[in-house]
Protein backbone atom coordinates (compact mmCIF):
# COMPACT_ATOMS: atom_id res chain seq x y z
CA UNK A 1 4.68 -16.08 -22.76
CA UNK A 2 3.42 -16.55 -19.36
CA UNK A 3 1.09 -13.23 -18.25
CA UNK A 4 -0.63 -12.12 -15.23
CA UNK A 5 -3.28 -9.85 -15.19
CA UNK A 6 -3.85 -6.99 -12.36
CA UNK A 7 -7.26 -6.00 -12.35
CA UNK A 8 -10.24 -7.63 -13.09
CA UNK A 9 -13.37 -5.13 -13.98
CA UNK A 10 -15.60 -5.20 -17.06
CA UNK A 11 -12.24 -4.40 -18.82
CA UNK A 12 -9.89 -6.94 -17.29
CA UNK A 13 -12.59 -9.76 -17.89
CA UNK A 14 -12.96 -8.54 -21.71
CA UNK A 15 -9.03 -9.25 -21.80
CA UNK A 16 -8.48 -12.36 -19.84
CA UNK A 17 -11.10 -13.60 -22.20
CA UNK A 18 -8.99 -12.35 -25.27
CA UNK A 19 -5.89 -13.61 -23.73
CA UNK A 20 -6.88 -16.56 -23.27
CA UNK A 21 -7.74 -17.33 -26.88
CA UNK A 22 -4.46 -17.04 -27.92
CA UNK A 23 -2.37 -19.98 -28.39
CA UNK A 24 0.74 -17.62 -28.01
CA UNK A 25 0.12 -16.92 -24.48
CA UNK A 26 -0.59 -18.06 -21.34
CA UNK A 27 -2.72 -16.37 -18.81
CA UNK A 28 -1.27 -17.66 -15.48
CA UNK A 29 -3.32 -15.62 -12.87
CA UNK A 30 -5.57 -12.96 -12.20
CA UNK A 31 -4.65 -10.38 -9.36
CA UNK A 32 -8.13 -8.66 -7.82
CA UNK A 33 -7.94 -6.51 -4.54
CA UNK A 34 -11.52 -8.17 -3.52
CA UNK A 35 -11.60 -12.13 -2.03
CA UNK A 36 -14.32 -12.43 -3.85
CA UNK A 37 -13.92 -15.19 -6.60
CA UNK A 38 -10.28 -16.00 -4.88
CA UNK A 39 -9.04 -19.05 -6.22
CA UNK A 40 -11.57 -19.52 -9.44
CA UNK A 41 -10.46 -20.69 -12.30
CA UNK A 42 -10.32 -17.44 -15.05
CA UNK A 43 -12.15 -19.74 -18.02
CA UNK A 44 -14.52 -21.49 -15.87
CA UNK A 45 -15.63 -17.98 -14.67
CA UNK A 46 -15.60 -16.75 -18.55
CA UNK A 47 -17.08 -19.43 -19.85
CA UNK A 48 -14.24 -19.89 -22.19
CA UNK A 49 -12.91 -22.80 -23.56
CA UNK A 50 -9.34 -23.40 -22.23
CA UNK A 51 -6.76 -25.57 -21.05
CA UNK A 52 -4.76 -22.93 -19.18
CA UNK A 53 -5.89 -23.42 -15.30
CA UNK A 54 -5.56 -19.67 -14.60
CA UNK A 55 -7.02 -18.74 -11.01
CA UNK A 56 -8.56 -15.65 -9.59
CA UNK A 57 -6.19 -14.06 -5.90
CA UNK A 58 -6.50 -11.73 -3.98
CA UNK A 59 -4.18 -9.32 -3.06
CA UNK A 60 -5.87 -9.09 0.17
CA UNK A 61 -4.78 -12.84 0.96
CA UNK A 62 -1.32 -13.08 -1.05
CA UNK A 63 1.90 -10.74 -1.61
CA UNK A 64 3.25 -10.18 -4.85
CA UNK A 65 6.42 -11.84 -3.95
CA UNK A 66 4.61 -15.24 -2.63
CA UNK A 67 2.57 -15.05 -5.96
CA UNK A 68 5.61 -14.96 -8.32
CA UNK A 69 7.43 -17.74 -6.58
CA UNK A 70 4.47 -19.56 -6.91
CA UNK A 71 3.44 -18.74 -10.57
CA UNK A 72 6.18 -16.54 -13.04
CA UNK A 73 5.31 -15.43 -15.20
CA UNK A 74 7.03 -13.03 -18.39
CA UNK A 75 4.85 -10.19 -18.51
CA UNK A 76 2.47 -8.68 -16.06
CA UNK A 77 -0.30 -6.06 -17.30
CA UNK A 78 -1.91 -3.83 -15.38
CA UNK A 79 -6.06 -2.83 -15.24
CA UNK A 80 -6.28 -1.69 -12.23
CA UNK A 81 -5.98 1.81 -11.01
CA UNK A 82 -3.31 4.66 -11.28
CA UNK A 83 -1.97 3.07 -7.13
CA UNK A 84 -1.22 -0.23 -8.76
CA UNK A 85 2.20 0.06 -10.23
CA UNK A 86 3.33 0.43 -6.36
CA UNK A 87 1.99 -3.35 -5.87
CA UNK A 88 3.80 -5.15 -8.33
CA UNK A 89 6.44 -2.63 -10.09
CA UNK A 90 9.99 -2.75 -7.89
CA UNK A 91 9.49 -6.36 -7.80
CA UNK A 92 8.62 -7.25 -11.26
CA UNK A 93 11.52 -4.75 -12.49
CA UNK A 94 13.91 -6.84 -10.34
CA UNK A 95 13.01 -10.14 -12.08
CA UNK A 96 12.87 -8.78 -15.36
CA UNK A 97 9.19 -9.44 -16.04
CA UNK A 98 8.18 -7.25 -18.76
CA UNK A 99 5.28 -4.39 -17.39
CA UNK A 100 2.32 -3.26 -19.64
CA UNK A 101 0.11 -0.74 -18.17
CA UNK A 102 -3.07 0.66 -19.60
CA UNK A 103 -3.87 2.62 -16.84
CA UNK A 104 -5.50 5.92 -18.32
CA UNK A 105 -4.36 8.35 -16.16
CA UNK A 106 -0.94 8.41 -14.06
CA UNK A 107 0.35 11.03 -11.84
CA UNK A 108 3.82 12.73 -12.32
CA UNK A 109 5.04 10.50 -8.87
CA UNK A 110 3.42 7.29 -11.10
CA UNK A 111 5.59 8.57 -14.20
CA UNK A 112 8.50 9.00 -12.39
CA UNK A 113 8.89 5.43 -10.68
CA UNK A 114 7.80 3.96 -14.38
CA UNK A 115 10.78 5.20 -15.62
CA UNK A 116 12.95 4.23 -12.68
CA UNK A 117 11.33 0.83 -13.16
CA UNK A 118 12.61 0.64 -16.91
CA UNK A 119 15.82 1.05 -16.03
CA UNK A 120 15.58 -2.69 -14.72
CA UNK A 121 13.29 -3.74 -17.07
CA UNK A 122 10.83 -3.59 -20.14
CA UNK A 123 8.41 -1.06 -19.32
CA UNK A 124 5.18 -0.20 -21.98
CA UNK A 125 2.51 2.48 -20.90
CA UNK A 126 -0.66 3.75 -23.17
CA UNK A 127 -3.70 5.29 -21.82
CA UNK A 128 -5.33 3.45 -24.47
CA UNK A 129 -4.46 0.12 -25.50
CA UNK A 130 -6.21 -0.62 -28.73
CA UNK A 131 -4.47 -0.25 -32.06
CA UNK A 132 -7.13 1.80 -33.87
CA UNK A 133 -7.11 4.75 -31.42
CA UNK A 134 -3.17 4.64 -31.64
CA UNK A 135 -3.10 4.26 -35.00
CA UNK A 136 -5.31 7.43 -35.47
CA UNK A 137 -3.22 9.53 -33.03
CA UNK A 138 -0.63 8.89 -35.96
CA UNK A 139 -2.31 9.76 -38.65
CA UNK A 140 -3.77 13.30 -36.74
CA UNK A 141 0.09 14.26 -36.49
CA UNK A 142 0.99 13.71 -39.90
CA UNK A 143 -2.10 15.68 -41.35
CA UNK A 144 -1.13 18.49 -38.25
CA UNK A 145 2.42 17.71 -39.96
CA UNK A 146 1.44 18.81 -43.54
CA UNK A 147 -0.61 21.47 -42.81
CA UNK A 148 0.07 23.14 -38.94
CA UNK A 149 -1.99 26.16 -39.50
CA UNK A 150 -6.04 24.00 -39.54
CA UNK A 151 -8.19 24.62 -36.89
CA UNK A 152 -8.37 21.04 -34.63
CA UNK A 153 -11.57 20.13 -32.35
CA UNK A 154 -11.15 16.77 -30.32
CA UNK A 155 -14.38 15.03 -29.00
CA UNK A 156 -14.38 12.26 -27.08
CA UNK A 157 -17.12 10.04 -25.59
CA UNK A 158 -17.51 7.75 -22.80
CA UNK A 159 -19.94 5.95 -20.13
CA UNK A 160 -21.93 7.42 -17.90
CA UNK A 161 -18.95 6.52 -14.86
CA UNK A 162 -16.43 7.90 -16.48
CA UNK A 163 -14.20 10.19 -14.35
CA UNK A 164 -12.19 13.18 -15.48
CA UNK A 165 -11.39 13.85 -19.47
CA UNK A 166 -10.37 11.05 -21.75
CA UNK A 167 -6.64 9.75 -21.04
CA UNK A 168 -6.37 9.26 -24.47
CA UNK A 169 -7.95 12.47 -25.29
CA UNK A 170 -5.41 14.19 -23.63
CA UNK A 171 -3.15 12.81 -25.13
CA UNK A 172 -4.15 13.42 -28.59
CA UNK A 173 -4.41 17.30 -27.32
CA UNK A 174 -0.79 17.42 -26.21
CA UNK A 175 -0.09 15.65 -29.76
CA UNK A 176 -1.52 18.43 -31.74
CA UNK A 177 -0.95 21.43 -29.49
CA UNK A 178 -4.66 21.89 -28.55
CA UNK A 179 -5.63 23.17 -25.11
CA UNK A 180 -6.81 20.44 -23.08
CA UNK A 181 -9.93 22.93 -22.00
CA UNK A 182 -11.03 22.77 -25.66
CA UNK A 183 -11.45 19.05 -25.21
CA UNK A 184 -15.63 18.18 -25.77
CA UNK A 185 -16.59 15.55 -23.57
CA UNK A 186 -19.78 13.22 -23.11
CA UNK A 187 -20.79 10.99 -20.72
CA UNK A 188 -24.02 8.49 -21.64
CA UNK A 189 -24.51 4.99 -20.62
CA UNK A 190 -23.92 3.13 -23.65
CA UNK A 191 -21.59 3.89 -24.97
CA UNK A 192 -18.50 2.39 -24.39
CA UNK A 193 -15.78 4.36 -25.91
CA UNK A 194 -15.21 7.29 -29.13
CA UNK A 195 -12.73 9.56 -30.12
CA UNK A 196 -12.92 12.24 -32.57
CA UNK A 197 -10.30 14.42 -34.48
CA UNK A 198 -11.88 17.22 -37.22
CA UNK A 199 -9.06 18.92 -38.92
CA UNK A 200 -11.18 22.15 -40.36
CA UNK A 201 -9.95 23.29 -43.78
CA UNK A 202 -11.33 26.58 -46.24
CA UNK A 203 -14.12 24.34 -47.81
CA UNK A 204 -13.16 21.23 -46.54
CA UNK A 205 -13.58 19.24 -42.99
CA UNK A 206 -11.71 15.68 -42.16
CA UNK A 207 -12.77 13.81 -39.33
CA UNK A 208 -10.62 10.79 -37.75
CA UNK A 209 -13.08 8.31 -35.42
CA UNK A 210 -12.25 5.35 -33.64
CA UNK A 211 -14.67 4.49 -31.50
CA UNK A 212 -14.89 1.00 -29.33
CA UNK A 213 -17.32 -1.25 -30.00
CA UNK A 214 -16.46 -3.60 -27.48
CA UNK A 215 -14.05 -3.58 -24.36
CA UNK A 216 -12.28 -6.65 -25.96
CA UNK A 217 -10.53 -4.05 -28.58
CA UNK A 218 -8.34 -3.67 -25.51
CA UNK A 219 -7.49 -7.42 -25.31
CA UNK A 220 -6.53 -7.24 -28.51
CA UNK A 221 -4.17 -4.34 -28.37
CA UNK A 222 -2.73 -5.77 -25.17
CA UNK A 223 -1.81 -8.72 -27.43
CA UNK A 224 -0.01 -6.68 -30.32
CA UNK A 225 1.36 -4.61 -27.68
CA UNK A 226 2.87 -7.81 -26.13
CA UNK A 227 4.14 -9.81 -29.53
CA UNK A 228 6.19 -6.09 -30.39
CA UNK A 229 7.88 -6.22 -26.89
CA UNK A 230 9.28 -9.68 -26.87
CA UNK A 231 12.14 -8.68 -28.60
CA UNK A 232 12.88 -5.27 -26.82
CA UNK A 233 15.50 -4.85 -24.35
CA UNK A 234 14.77 -2.13 -21.16
CA UNK A 235 13.35 0.95 -21.06
CA UNK A 236 9.82 2.58 -21.00
CA UNK A 237 8.11 2.45 -24.60
CA UNK A 238 4.76 3.80 -26.11
CA UNK A 239 2.53 2.99 -28.84
CA UNK A 240 4.64 5.56 -31.02
CA UNK A 241 7.65 3.47 -30.58
CA UNK A 242 5.91 -0.01 -31.74
CA UNK A 243 4.27 1.59 -34.67
CA UNK A 244 6.91 3.75 -35.87
CA UNK A 245 8.77 0.82 -37.64
CA UNK A 246 5.70 -0.36 -39.36
CA UNK A 247 5.37 3.31 -41.36
CA UNK A 248 9.07 3.33 -42.40
CA UNK A 249 9.73 -0.44 -43.21
């Protein structure tokens, strides 16, 4: 499957590296705002051995229409910003290109747009696209179902420059009916991302912890999602939709 990647920050670079090393996918191009690195080879820039010739393009010098005309793809993966969807969403949906969005926070207007695009193509969104953290969410929901009266605390830790409460932690809180104001946040250098759910039972505690050791974990998550979206019809999907069949099989 041919992939177009939007966003080439630290996480975008890690995701590109993982895609390049997977034989089932081809990274056709990377789109970023800056003109720096324009027309550079992604494998060459990242130092990854690959026969793919995916190039870096800038949205300042090429339109999405022109990019897709020259280099069509099957999936667009978005690691840019909450405004990125306006750049490619409508054009991708018209061409029935699958969309995988890994944006941490979307406002109501962007969520509305995702639902509209899902009427035309396959759309997936997750504020955290790592497989491990979504397994944690699944397990947490099951435990809460077994013991709805249990005390719950949610802790999240991220790198120093990350703004706002983690979108993943908010999603966990919503799933477990915990007030967002009760999420405990830590920001410190060297941390990639860590989420912990503490269940306080009488005489015992259960702790579910997920920690991203490297940003390549997001790339592995992208590959897992893309493989599971191959045969999905039009609609808006999340990680629960993809994981549920594995639990019921």
